[in-house]
Amino acid sequence: MKLKNLGIYALPDGREFVVDVEASNVYRLCSRHTWNFTRAPEYTVTPEGKIVNKGQPTEWGVEHLVDTGRREQYPKATFL
């Protein structure tokens, strides 16, 4: 399964994440709640399709992600 950059996916527990694909094809799952503020990933996806949190495997893989059909945009820059 190839995840779409900026696609919104849901885990079986209902939480939704924005997929942020880095240039090296590293998939990061960012909480929708933090996306517009920090873009800090809560999970990453291994090349084998396992979802990990802080280097520790979770019970999920990409096959558990449900594509909501929605997309996000990159946050707008804010200047202080």
N, C-alpha and C. Protein backbone atom coordinates (compact mmCIF):
# COMPACT_ATOMS: atom_id res chain seq x y z
N MET A 1 0.85 -1.19 0.00
CA MET A 1 0.00 0.00 0.00
C MET A 1 0.88 1.23 0.00
N LYS A 2 0.66 2.12 -0.93
CA LYS A 2 1.39 3.37 -0.96
C LYS A 2 0.49 4.45 -0.37
N LEU A 3 1.00 5.13 0.63
CA LEU A 3 0.22 6.19 1.27
C LEU A 3 0.38 7.49 0.48
N LYS A 4 -0.68 8.26 0.43
CA LYS A 4 -0.68 9.53 -0.30
C LYS A 4 -0.17 10.66 0.59
N ASN A 5 0.77 11.43 0.07
CA ASN A 5 1.24 12.59 0.81
C ASN A 5 0.08 13.53 1.07
N LEU A 6 -0.05 13.97 2.30
CA LEU A 6 -1.10 14.86 2.78
C LEU A 6 -2.47 14.19 2.85
N GLY A 7 -2.51 12.88 2.63
CA GLY A 7 -3.75 12.14 2.78
C GLY A 7 -4.09 12.00 4.26
N ILE A 8 -5.37 11.94 4.55
CA ILE A 8 -5.82 11.75 5.93
C ILE A 8 -6.28 10.31 6.06
N TYR A 9 -5.67 9.60 7.00
CA TYR A 9 -5.94 8.19 7.23
C TYR A 9 -6.39 7.99 8.67
N ALA A 10 -7.22 6.99 8.88
CA ALA A 10 -7.71 6.68 10.23
C ALA A 10 -7.19 5.31 10.67
N LEU A 11 -6.81 5.23 11.93
CA LEU A 11 -6.46 3.96 12.54
C LEU A 11 -7.74 3.28 13.02
N PRO A 12 -7.69 1.99 13.31
CA PRO A 12 -8.90 1.29 13.78
C PRO A 12 -9.54 1.92 15.01
N ASP A 13 -8.76 2.64 15.83
CA ASP A 13 -9.34 3.26 17.02
C ASP A 13 -10.03 4.60 16.71
N GLY A 14 -10.06 4.98 15.42
CA GLY A 14 -10.77 6.19 15.01
C GLY A 14 -9.92 7.45 14.91
N ARG A 15 -8.72 7.42 15.46
CA ARG A 15 -7.87 8.62 15.38
C ARG A 15 -7.41 8.83 13.95
N GLU A 16 -7.38 10.11 13.55
CA GLU A 16 -7.00 10.45 12.19
C GLU A 16 -5.63 11.10 12.16
N PHE A 17 -4.87 10.77 11.10
CA PHE A 17 -3.51 11.27 10.94
C PHE A 17 -3.30 11.76 9.52
N VAL A 18 -2.45 12.77 9.41
CA VAL A 18 -2.02 13.29 8.11
C VAL A 18 -0.72 12.59 7.77
N VAL A 19 -0.62 12.08 6.56
CA VAL A 19 0.63 11.45 6.11
C VAL A 19 1.52 12.53 5.52
N ASP A 20 2.73 12.58 6.04
CA ASP A 20 3.75 13.52 5.56
C ASP A 20 4.89 12.67 5.01
N VAL A 21 5.10 12.72 3.70
CA VAL A 21 6.14 11.91 3.08
C VAL A 21 7.39 12.76 2.90
N GLU A 22 8.49 12.28 3.47
CA GLU A 22 9.76 12.98 3.32
C GLU A 22 10.41 12.55 2.00
N ALA A 23 11.39 13.31 1.55
CA ALA A 23 12.06 13.07 0.27
C ALA A 23 12.61 11.65 0.16
N SER A 24 13.02 11.06 1.26
CA SER A 24 13.60 9.72 1.23
C SER A 24 12.54 8.62 1.35
N ASN A 25 11.29 8.96 1.04
CA ASN A 25 10.15 8.04 1.13
C ASN A 25 9.93 7.51 2.54
N VAL A 26 10.19 8.35 3.52
CA VAL A 26 9.86 8.03 4.90
C VAL A 26 8.47 8.58 5.16
N TYR A 27 7.58 7.70 5.61
CA TYR A 27 6.21 8.10 5.90
C TYR A 27 6.08 8.43 7.37
N ARG A 28 5.56 9.63 7.63
CA ARG A 28 5.32 10.08 9.00
C ARG A 28 3.82 10.28 9.16
N LEU A 29 3.29 9.86 10.31
CA LEU A 29 1.87 10.05 10.60
C LEU A 29 1.75 11.11 11.68
N CYS A 30 1.18 12.24 11.30
CA CYS A 30 1.04 13.38 12.22
C CYS A 30 -0.41 13.52 12.65
N SER A 31 -0.62 13.66 13.93
CA SER A 31 -1.96 13.84 14.46
C SER A 31 -2.61 15.06 13.81
N ARG A 32 -3.89 14.94 13.51
CA ARG A 32 -4.60 16.09 12.95
C ARG A 32 -4.61 17.25 13.93
N HIS A 33 -4.53 16.96 15.23
CA HIS A 33 -4.56 18.01 16.25
C HIS A 33 -3.28 18.84 16.26
N THR A 34 -2.16 18.25 15.89
CA THR A 34 -0.89 18.98 15.94
C THR A 34 -0.37 19.39 14.57
N TRP A 35 -1.01 18.93 13.51
CA TRP A 35 -0.52 19.17 12.16
C TRP A 35 -0.25 20.66 11.87
N ASN A 36 -1.17 21.52 12.20
CA ASN A 36 -1.02 22.94 11.87
C ASN A 36 -0.08 23.69 12.80
N PHE A 37 0.40 23.03 13.84
CA PHE A 37 1.26 23.70 14.80
C PHE A 37 2.71 23.22 14.72
N THR A 38 2.91 21.92 14.81
CA THR A 38 4.29 21.43 14.88
C THR A 38 4.66 20.45 13.78
N ARG A 39 3.67 19.82 13.19
CA ARG A 39 3.90 18.74 12.22
C ARG A 39 4.78 17.64 12.80
N ALA A 40 4.80 17.51 14.10
CA ALA A 40 5.58 16.46 14.75
C ALA A 40 4.88 15.12 14.56
N PRO A 41 5.60 14.13 14.07
CA PRO A 41 4.95 12.84 13.84
C PRO A 41 4.73 12.08 15.15
N GLU A 42 3.59 11.41 15.22
CA GLU A 42 3.33 10.52 16.34
C GLU A 42 3.82 9.11 16.01
N TYR A 43 3.76 8.78 14.72
CA TYR A 43 4.18 7.47 14.25
C TYR A 43 5.01 7.63 12.97
N THR A 44 5.82 6.62 12.69
CA THR A 44 6.49 6.50 11.39
C THR A 44 6.17 5.11 10.86
N VAL A 45 6.39 4.93 9.57
CA VAL A 45 6.12 3.65 8.93
C VAL A 45 7.44 3.07 8.44
N THR A 46 7.72 1.83 8.80
CA THR A 46 8.95 1.17 8.36
C THR A 46 8.81 0.77 6.89
N PRO A 47 9.94 0.48 6.23
CA PRO A 47 9.86 0.02 4.83
C PRO A 47 9.02 -1.25 4.67
N GLU A 48 8.90 -2.03 5.74
CA GLU A 48 8.09 -3.25 5.70
C GLU A 48 6.60 -2.98 5.93
N GLY A 49 6.25 -1.72 6.21
CA GLY A 49 4.84 -1.37 6.40
C GLY A 49 4.35 -1.43 7.83
N LYS A 50 5.25 -1.57 8.79
CA LYS A 50 4.86 -1.58 10.20
C LYS A 50 4.82 -0.15 10.72
N ILE A 51 3.86 0.13 11.58
CA ILE A 51 3.72 1.45 12.18
C ILE A 51 4.43 1.43 13.53
N VAL A 52 5.36 2.36 13.72
CA VAL A 52 6.14 2.39 14.96
C VAL A 52 5.98 3.74 15.66
N ASN A 53 6.15 3.71 16.98
CA ASN A 53 6.08 4.91 17.80
C ASN A 53 7.37 4.97 18.59
N LYS A 54 8.15 6.03 18.36
CA LYS A 54 9.44 6.22 19.05
C LYS A 54 10.32 4.98 18.92
N GLY A 55 10.31 4.38 17.74
CA GLY A 55 11.15 3.22 17.47
C GLY A 55 10.58 1.89 17.93
N GLN A 56 9.46 1.92 18.64
CA GLN A 56 8.84 0.70 19.16
C GLN A 56 7.67 0.29 18.26
N PRO A 57 7.61 -0.98 17.87
CA PRO A 57 6.50 -1.41 17.01
C PRO A 57 5.16 -1.32 17.72
N THR A 58 4.15 -1.01 16.95
CA THR A 58 2.78 -1.01 17.46
C THR A 58 2.08 -2.27 16.93
N GLU A 59 0.84 -2.43 17.27
CA GLU A 59 0.07 -3.58 16.78
C GLU A 59 -0.41 -3.38 15.34
N TRP A 60 -0.16 -2.19 14.77
CA TRP A 60 -0.70 -1.85 13.46
C TRP A 60 0.35 -1.87 12.36
N GLY A 61 -0.16 -2.04 11.15
CA GLY A 61 0.62 -1.89 9.93
C GLY A 61 -0.18 -1.03 8.98
N VAL A 62 0.40 -0.71 7.83
CA VAL A 62 -0.31 0.16 6.88
C VAL A 62 -1.64 -0.44 6.43
N GLU A 63 -1.74 -1.76 6.50
CA GLU A 63 -3.00 -2.40 6.10
C GLU A 63 -4.15 -2.03 7.03
N HIS A 64 -3.84 -1.51 8.21
CA HIS A 64 -4.88 -1.09 9.15
C HIS A 64 -5.35 0.35 8.93
N LEU A 65 -4.62 1.10 8.15
CA LEU A 65 -4.98 2.50 7.89
C LEU A 65 -6.12 2.56 6.88
N VAL A 66 -7.11 3.38 7.18
CA VAL A 66 -8.26 3.56 6.29
C VAL A 66 -8.15 4.95 5.67
N ASP A 67 -8.12 4.99 4.35
CA ASP A 67 -8.06 6.26 3.62
C ASP A 67 -9.42 6.92 3.74
N THR A 68 -9.46 8.12 4.33
CA THR A 68 -10.73 8.82 4.49
C THR A 68 -11.18 9.51 3.20
N GLY A 69 -10.27 9.58 2.21
CA GLY A 69 -10.59 10.27 0.97
C GLY A 69 -10.40 11.78 1.07
N ARG A 70 -9.97 12.24 2.25
CA ARG A 70 -9.73 13.67 2.44
C ARG A 70 -8.24 13.94 2.40
N ARG A 71 -7.91 15.20 2.13
CA ARG A 71 -6.51 15.62 2.10
C ARG A 71 -6.34 16.87 2.93
N GLU A 72 -5.13 17.06 3.41
CA GLU A 72 -4.78 18.24 4.20
C GLU A 72 -3.88 19.11 3.33
N GLN A 73 -3.63 20.31 3.79
CA GLN A 73 -2.68 21.21 3.14
C GLN A 73 -1.54 21.46 4.10
N TYR A 74 -0.39 21.87 3.55
CA TYR A 74 0.71 22.25 4.43
C TYR A 74 0.29 23.49 5.21
N PRO A 75 0.69 23.56 6.48
CA PRO A 75 0.33 24.72 7.29
C PRO A 75 0.93 26.00 6.69
N LYS A 76 0.20 27.08 6.85
CA LYS A 76 0.69 28.37 6.39
C LYS A 76 1.74 28.86 7.37
N ALA A 77 2.75 29.50 6.85
CA ALA A 77 3.81 30.06 7.71
C ALA A 77 3.22 31.23 8.51
N THR A 78 3.62 31.29 9.75
CA THR A 78 3.20 32.40 10.59
C THR A 78 4.43 33.15 11.03
N PHE A 79 4.36 34.43 11.00
CA PHE A 79 5.49 35.26 11.40
C PHE A 79 5.14 35.98 12.68
N LEU A 80 6.07 35.97 13.60
CA LEU A 80 5.83 36.62 14.89
C LEU A 80 6.36 38.03 14.87
